[in-house]
Amino acid sequence: MKKRWILGVMVAALVPVAAVCKVQDSASSGFTITQTYNVAASPQDAYRHFLRVGEWWNSAHTISGDAHNLSIEEKAMGCWCEKLPGGGAVRHMEVVYVAPGKLLRFTGALGPLQVMAVTGSFTVQFTAVEGGTRVDVTYAVSGYLAAGLNTLAPIVDTVFTEQFTRFKAHVEQGNPAPAPK
């Protein structure tokens, strides 16, 4: 799994994106990543596409190896979960705030962060703008890592850039693979 994650990060670094992405702040005890994407769809449509995470998330960034095993329950205390072979499962994050068509907030640690002494708050906000929706993504992570969590901030930013580039392409083109440039 670690090799798949590293390969995914390397591939993600090669994906061009028309978005504002940045590590907002970074310290040994945590980091905040913010990203903004403009999507040619209504906030309600963009929100609905986001909930169908298994259709746009990259399978290389899953434990099962298949993004179609991912699901998000649209309710407080809902699960961003993944089915595993043999009846297993993973709770990646918990839904803590739902405003349909406007905002979703989760708590937890995604991917390799899950095995560390960290937690995070992940917010996706959908705002109507001319021509569609502005999608604002914020992931604030805090906790402990001997090497310092700041060492992971650019990697997590790269993975989020890949995922939300796929999300944008899925909403606008029906295909999560970014269009060739």
C-alpha atoms as a PDB file:
ATOM      1  CA  MET A   1       0.000   0.000   0.000  1.00  0.00           C
ATOM      2  CA  LYS A   2       2.822   2.421   0.835  1.00  0.00           C
ATOM      3  CA  LYS A   3       4.327   1.984  -2.646  1.00  0.00           C
ATOM      4  CA  ARG A   4       0.948   2.733  -4.243  1.00  0.00           C
ATOM      5  CA  TRP A   5       0.594   5.887  -2.118  1.00  0.00           C
ATOM      6  CA  ILE A   6       4.092   7.111  -3.005  1.00  0.00           C
ATOM      7  CA  LEU A   7       3.501   6.373  -6.697  1.00  0.00           C
ATOM      8  CA  GLY A   8       0.197   8.257  -6.491  1.00  0.00           C
ATOM      9  CA  VAL A   9       1.943  11.273  -4.991  1.00  0.00           C
ATOM     10  CA  MET A  10       4.553  11.227  -7.763  1.00  0.00           C
ATOM     11  CA  VAL A  11       1.876  11.004 -10.469  1.00  0.00           C
ATOM     12  CA  ALA A  12      -0.151  13.762  -8.810  1.00  0.00           C
ATOM     13  CA  ALA A  13       2.830  16.076  -9.004  1.00  0.00           C
ATOM     14  CA  LEU A  14       2.654  15.830 -12.786  1.00  0.00           C
ATOM     15  CA  VAL A  15      -1.055  16.731 -13.069  1.00  0.00           C
ATOM     16  CA  PRO A  16      -1.695  20.314 -14.209  1.00  0.00           C
ATOM     17  CA  VAL A  17      -4.543  22.113 -12.468  1.00  0.00           C
ATOM     18  CA  ALA A  18      -6.352  25.418 -12.861  1.00  0.00           C
ATOM     19  CA  ALA A  19      -6.894  26.165  -9.211  1.00  0.00           C
ATOM     20  CA  VAL A  20      -5.568  28.063  -6.241  1.00  0.00           C
ATOM     21  CA  CYS A  21      -3.774  25.536  -4.037  1.00  0.00           C
ATOM     22  CA  LYS A  22      -1.493  26.225  -1.142  1.00  0.00           C
ATOM     23  CA  VAL A  23      -0.182  25.160   2.182  1.00  0.00           C
ATOM     24  CA  GLN A  24      -1.746  27.954   4.245  1.00  0.00           C
ATOM     25  CA  ASP A  25       0.449  27.334   7.265  1.00  0.00           C
ATOM     26  CA  SER A  26       2.778  24.621   8.462  1.00  0.00           C
ATOM     27  CA  ALA A  27       4.517  23.792  11.745  1.00  0.00           C
ATOM     28  CA  SER A  28       5.870  20.716  13.456  1.00  0.00           C
ATOM     29  CA  SER A  29       2.521  20.254  15.225  1.00  0.00           C
ATOM     30  CA  GLY A  30       0.284  20.641  12.179  1.00  0.00           C
ATOM     31  CA  PHE A  31      -0.632  22.296   8.909  1.00  0.00           C
ATOM     32  CA  THR A  32      -3.544  23.792   6.996  1.00  0.00           C
ATOM     33  CA  ILE A  33      -4.110  23.300   3.302  1.00  0.00           C
ATOM     34  CA  THR A  34      -6.508  25.503   1.342  1.00  0.00           C
ATOM     35  CA  GLN A  35      -7.561  24.988  -2.241  1.00  0.00           C
ATOM     36  CA  THR A  36     -10.129  26.706  -4.442  1.00  0.00           C
ATOM     37  CA  TYR A  37     -11.638  25.351  -7.647  1.00  0.00           C
ATOM     38  CA  ASN A  38     -14.171  26.887 -10.002  1.00  0.00           C
ATOM     39  CA  VAL A  39     -16.548  24.259 -11.331  1.00  0.00           C
ATOM     40  CA  ALA A  40     -19.004  24.748 -14.202  1.00  0.00           C
ATOM     41  CA  ALA A  41     -22.060  23.419 -12.327  1.00  0.00           C
ATOM     42  CA  SER A  42     -24.549  24.654  -9.770  1.00  0.00           C
ATOM     43  CA  PRO A  43     -23.598  24.315  -6.091  1.00  0.00           C
ATOM     44  CA  GLN A  44     -26.244  21.596  -5.705  1.00  0.00           C
ATOM     45  CA  ASP A  45     -24.835  19.591  -8.641  1.00  0.00           C
ATOM     46  CA  ALA A  46     -21.220  20.005  -7.485  1.00  0.00           C
ATOM     47  CA  TYR A  47     -22.247  18.934  -3.971  1.00  0.00           C
ATOM     48  CA  ARG A  48     -24.035  15.823  -5.296  1.00  0.00           C
ATOM     49  CA  HIS A  49     -20.985  14.882  -7.368  1.00  0.00           C
ATOM     50  CA  PHE A  50     -18.769  15.283  -4.307  1.00  0.00           C
ATOM     51  CA  LEU A  51     -20.939  12.832  -2.364  1.00  0.00           C
ATOM     52  CA  ARG A  52     -20.359  10.232  -5.106  1.00  0.00           C
ATOM     53  CA  VAL A  53     -16.684  10.123  -4.087  1.00  0.00           C
ATOM     54  CA  GLY A  54     -16.192   6.630  -5.531  1.00  0.00           C
ATOM     55  CA  GLU A  55     -16.781   8.013  -9.036  1.00  0.00           C
ATOM     56  CA  TRP A  56     -13.946  10.565  -8.987  1.00  0.00           C
ATOM     57  CA  TRP A  57     -11.429   9.669  -6.250  1.00  0.00           C
ATOM     58  CA  ASN A  58      -8.248   8.042  -7.545  1.00  0.00           C
ATOM     59  CA  SER A  59      -8.153   4.317  -6.706  1.00  0.00           C
ATOM     60  CA  ALA A  60      -4.397   4.621  -6.088  1.00  0.00           C
ATOM     61  CA  HIS A  61      -5.291   6.556  -2.925  1.00  0.00           C
ATOM     62  CA  THR A  62      -7.485   3.863  -1.405  1.00  0.00           C
ATOM     63  CA  ILE A  63      -6.718   0.888   0.805  1.00  0.00           C
ATOM     64  CA  SER A  64      -8.810  -1.538  -1.249  1.00  0.00           C
ATOM     65  CA  GLY A  65      -7.327  -0.384  -4.553  1.00  0.00           C
ATOM     66  CA  ASP A  66     -10.795   0.493  -5.889  1.00  0.00           C
ATOM     67  CA  ALA A  67     -12.362   3.917  -5.358  1.00  0.00           C
ATOM     68  CA  HIS A  68     -15.802   2.428  -6.007  1.00  0.00           C
ATOM     69  CA  ASN A  69     -15.545   0.993  -2.490  1.00  0.00           C
ATOM     70  CA  LEU A  70     -15.682   4.552  -1.073  1.00  0.00           C
ATOM     71  CA  SER A  71     -18.900   6.128   0.170  1.00  0.00           C
ATOM     72  CA  ILE A  72     -20.024   9.191   2.118  1.00  0.00           C
ATOM     73  CA  GLU A  73     -23.150   9.144   4.291  1.00  0.00           C
ATOM     74  CA  GLU A  74     -24.845  12.537   4.045  1.00  0.00           C
ATOM     75  CA  LYS A  75     -25.739  12.990   7.709  1.00  0.00           C
ATOM     76  CA  ALA A  76     -24.157  14.100  10.954  1.00  0.00           C
ATOM     77  CA  MET A  77     -22.085  11.220  12.339  1.00  0.00           C
ATOM     78  CA  GLY A  78     -22.115   9.768   8.821  1.00  0.00           C
ATOM     79  CA  CYS A  79     -19.181   7.805   7.556  1.00  0.00           C
ATOM     80  CA  TRP A  80     -16.684   8.482   4.769  1.00  0.00           C
ATOM     81  CA  CYS A  81     -15.987   4.780   4.558  1.00  0.00           C
ATOM     82  CA  GLU A  82     -14.341   2.193   2.365  1.00  0.00           C
ATOM     83  CA  LYS A  83     -15.351  -1.443   1.968  1.00  0.00           C
ATOM     84  CA  LEU A  84     -12.477  -3.910   2.087  1.00  0.00           C
ATOM     85  CA  PRO A  85     -12.285  -7.459   0.756  1.00  0.00           C
ATOM     86  CA  GLY A  86     -13.441 -10.181   3.125  1.00  0.00           C
ATOM     87  CA  GLY A  87     -16.058  -7.984   4.784  1.00  0.00           C
ATOM     88  CA  GLY A  88     -13.584  -5.464   6.219  1.00  0.00           C
ATOM     89  CA  ALA A  89     -14.039  -1.716   6.280  1.00  0.00           C
ATOM     90  CA  VAL A  90     -12.244   1.549   7.012  1.00  0.00           C
ATOM     91  CA  ARG A  91     -13.754   4.729   8.478  1.00  0.00           C
ATOM     92  CA  HIS A  92     -11.629   7.428   6.866  1.00  0.00           C
ATOM     93  CA  MET A  93     -13.527  10.370   8.332  1.00  0.00           C
ATOM     94  CA  GLU A  94     -16.739  11.210  10.136  1.00  0.00           C
ATOM     95  CA  VAL A  95     -19.278  13.733   8.844  1.00  0.00           C
ATOM     96  CA  VAL A  96     -19.827  16.437  11.466  1.00  0.00           C
ATOM     97  CA  TYR A  97     -21.662  19.165   9.499  1.00  0.00           C
ATOM     98  CA  VAL A  98     -24.054  18.924   6.562  1.00  0.00           C
ATOM     99  CA  ALA A  99     -25.629  21.855   4.707  1.00  0.00           C
ATOM    100  CA  PRO A 100     -26.893  20.302   1.435  1.00  0.00           C
ATOM    101  CA  GLY A 101     -25.591  22.129  -1.596  1.00  0.00           C
ATOM    102  CA  LYS A 102     -23.474  24.417   0.581  1.00  0.00           C
ATOM    103  CA  LEU A 103     -21.032  22.714   2.939  1.00  0.00           C
ATOM    104  CA  LEU A 104     -19.707  19.409   4.234  1.00  0.00           C
ATOM    105  CA  ARG A 105     -17.301  19.080   7.163  1.00  0.00           C
ATOM    106  CA  PHE A 106     -15.502  15.958   8.307  1.00  0.00           C
ATOM    107  CA  THR A 107     -13.151  15.071  11.143  1.00  0.00           C
ATOM    108  CA  GLY A 108     -10.431  12.478  10.983  1.00  0.00           C
ATOM    109  CA  ALA A 109      -7.208  11.623   9.259  1.00  0.00           C
ATOM    110  CA  LEU A 110      -7.039  10.507   5.643  1.00  0.00           C
ATOM    111  CA  GLY A 111      -4.723   7.863   4.224  1.00  0.00           C
ATOM    112  CA  PRO A 112      -1.364   7.360   5.910  1.00  0.00           C
ATOM    113  CA  LEU A 113      -2.217  10.094   8.429  1.00  0.00           C
ATOM    114  CA  GLN A 114      -4.678   7.654   9.997  1.00  0.00           C
ATOM    115  CA  VAL A 115      -1.915   5.577  11.623  1.00  0.00           C
ATOM    116  CA  MET A 116      -0.275   8.640  13.152  1.00  0.00           C
ATOM    117  CA  ALA A 117      -1.205  10.513  16.321  1.00  0.00           C
ATOM    118  CA  VAL A 118      -3.069  13.192  14.328  1.00  0.00           C
ATOM    119  CA  THR A 119      -6.556  14.386  13.603  1.00  0.00           C
ATOM    120  CA  GLY A 120      -7.959  16.797  11.080  1.00  0.00           C
ATOM    121  CA  SER A 121     -10.882  18.981  10.147  1.00  0.00           C
ATOM    122  CA  PHE A 122     -11.761  18.797   6.449  1.00  0.00           C
ATOM    123  CA  THR A 123     -14.259  21.316   5.027  1.00  0.00           C
ATOM    124  CA  VAL A 124     -15.653  21.524   1.496  1.00  0.00           C
ATOM    125  CA  GLN A 125     -17.752  24.625   0.795  1.00  0.00           C
ATOM    126  CA  PHE A 126     -19.835  25.182  -2.358  1.00  0.00           C
ATOM    127  CA  THR A 127     -20.590  28.823  -3.273  1.00  0.00           C
ATOM    128  CA  ALA A 128     -22.494  30.044  -6.331  1.00  0.00           C
ATOM    129  CA  VAL A 129     -20.411  32.268  -8.599  1.00  0.00           C
ATOM    130  CA  GLU A 130     -20.845  33.518 -12.124  1.00  0.00           C
ATOM    131  CA  GLY A 131     -20.515  30.494 -14.417  1.00  0.00           C
ATOM    132  CA  GLY A 132     -20.925  27.871 -11.694  1.00  0.00           C
ATOM    133  CA  THR A 133     -19.576  27.117  -8.255  1.00  0.00           C
ATOM    134  CA  ARG A 134     -16.498  27.992  -6.264  1.00  0.00           C
ATOM    135  CA  VAL A 135     -15.412  24.961  -4.258  1.00  0.00           C
ATOM    136  CA  ASP A 136     -13.258  25.893  -1.253  1.00  0.00           C
ATOM    137  CA  VAL A 137     -11.364  23.049   0.382  1.00  0.00           C
ATOM    138  CA  THR A 138      -9.666  23.336   3.775  1.00  0.00           C
ATOM    139  CA  TYR A 139      -7.871  20.541   5.616  1.00  0.00           C
ATOM    140  CA  ALA A 140      -6.362  21.428   8.992  1.00  0.00           C
ATOM    141  CA  VAL A 141      -4.298  18.665  10.583  1.00  0.00           C
ATOM    142  CA  SER A 142      -2.768  18.643  14.053  1.00  0.00           C
ATOM    143  CA  GLY A 143      -0.952  16.137  16.209  1.00  0.00           C
ATOM    144  CA  TYR A 144       2.464  14.600  16.610  1.00  0.00           C
ATOM    145  CA  LEU A 145       5.017  13.241  14.177  1.00  0.00           C
ATOM    146  CA  ALA A 146       8.663  12.976  15.242  1.00  0.00           C
ATOM    147  CA  ALA A 147       9.862  14.476  11.950  1.00  0.00           C
ATOM    148  CA  GLY A 148       7.265  17.250  12.223  1.00  0.00           C
ATOM    149  CA  LEU A 149       3.902  17.384  10.460  1.00  0.00           C
ATOM    150  CA  ASN A 150       5.213  20.258   8.353  1.00  0.00           C
ATOM    151  CA  THR A 151       7.182  17.620   6.390  1.00  0.00           C
ATOM    152  CA  LEU A 152       3.880  16.124   5.202  1.00  0.00           C
ATOM    153  CA  ALA A 153       2.059  19.337   4.266  1.00  0.00           C
ATOM    154  CA  PRO A 154       3.344  19.572   0.658  1.00  0.00           C
ATOM    155  CA  ILE A 155       2.634  15.870   0.072  1.00  0.00           C
ATOM    156  CA  VAL A 156      -0.943  16.145   1.340  1.00  0.00           C
ATOM    157  CA  ASP A 157      -1.414  19.323  -0.720  1.00  0.00           C
ATOM    158  CA  THR A 158      -0.277  17.444  -3.844  1.00  0.00           C
ATOM    159  CA  VAL A 159      -2.650  14.545  -3.179  1.00  0.00           C
ATOM    160  CA  PHE A 160      -5.575  16.931  -2.606  1.00  0.00           C
ATOM    161  CA  THR A 161      -4.695  18.782  -5.811  1.00  0.00           C
ATOM    162  CA  GLU A 162      -4.891  15.518  -7.722  1.00  0.00           C
ATOM    163  CA  GLN A 163      -8.192  14.483  -6.127  1.00  0.00           C
ATOM    164  CA  PHE A 164      -9.924  17.819  -6.663  1.00  0.00           C
ATOM    165  CA  THR A 165      -8.619  18.110 -10.220  1.00  0.00           C
ATOM    166  CA  ARG A 166     -10.309  14.745 -10.787  1.00  0.00           C
ATOM    167  CA  PHE A 167     -13.446  16.016  -9.028  1.00  0.00           C
ATOM    168  CA  LYS A 168     -13.598  19.096 -11.271  1.00  0.00           C
ATOM    169  CA  ALA A 169     -13.116  16.980 -14.420  1.00  0.00           C
ATOM    170  CA  HIS A 170     -15.790  14.538 -13.256  1.00  0.00           C
ATOM    171  CA  VAL A 171     -18.321  17.310 -12.651  1.00  0.00           C
ATOM    172  CA  GLU A 172     -17.600  19.135 -15.909  1.00  0.00           C
ATOM    173  CA  GLN A 173     -16.776  16.263 -18.281  1.00  0.00           C
ATOM    174  CA  GLY A 174     -18.239  13.178 -16.625  1.00  0.00           C
ATOM    175  CA  ASN A 175     -14.737  11.712 -16.450  1.00  0.00           C
ATOM    176  CA  PRO A 176     -12.365  12.081 -13.488  1.00  0.00           C
ATOM    177  CA  ALA A 177      -9.259  11.906 -15.654  1.00  0.00           C
ATOM    178  CA  PRO A 178      -8.099  15.453 -16.411  1.00  0.00           C
ATOM    179  CA  ALA A 179      -8.321  16.477 -20.045  1.00  0.00           C
ATOM    180  CA  PRO A 180      -4.953  16.382 -21.844  1.00  0.00           C
ATOM    181  CA  LYS A 181      -3.361  19.791 -22.361  1.00  0.00           C
END
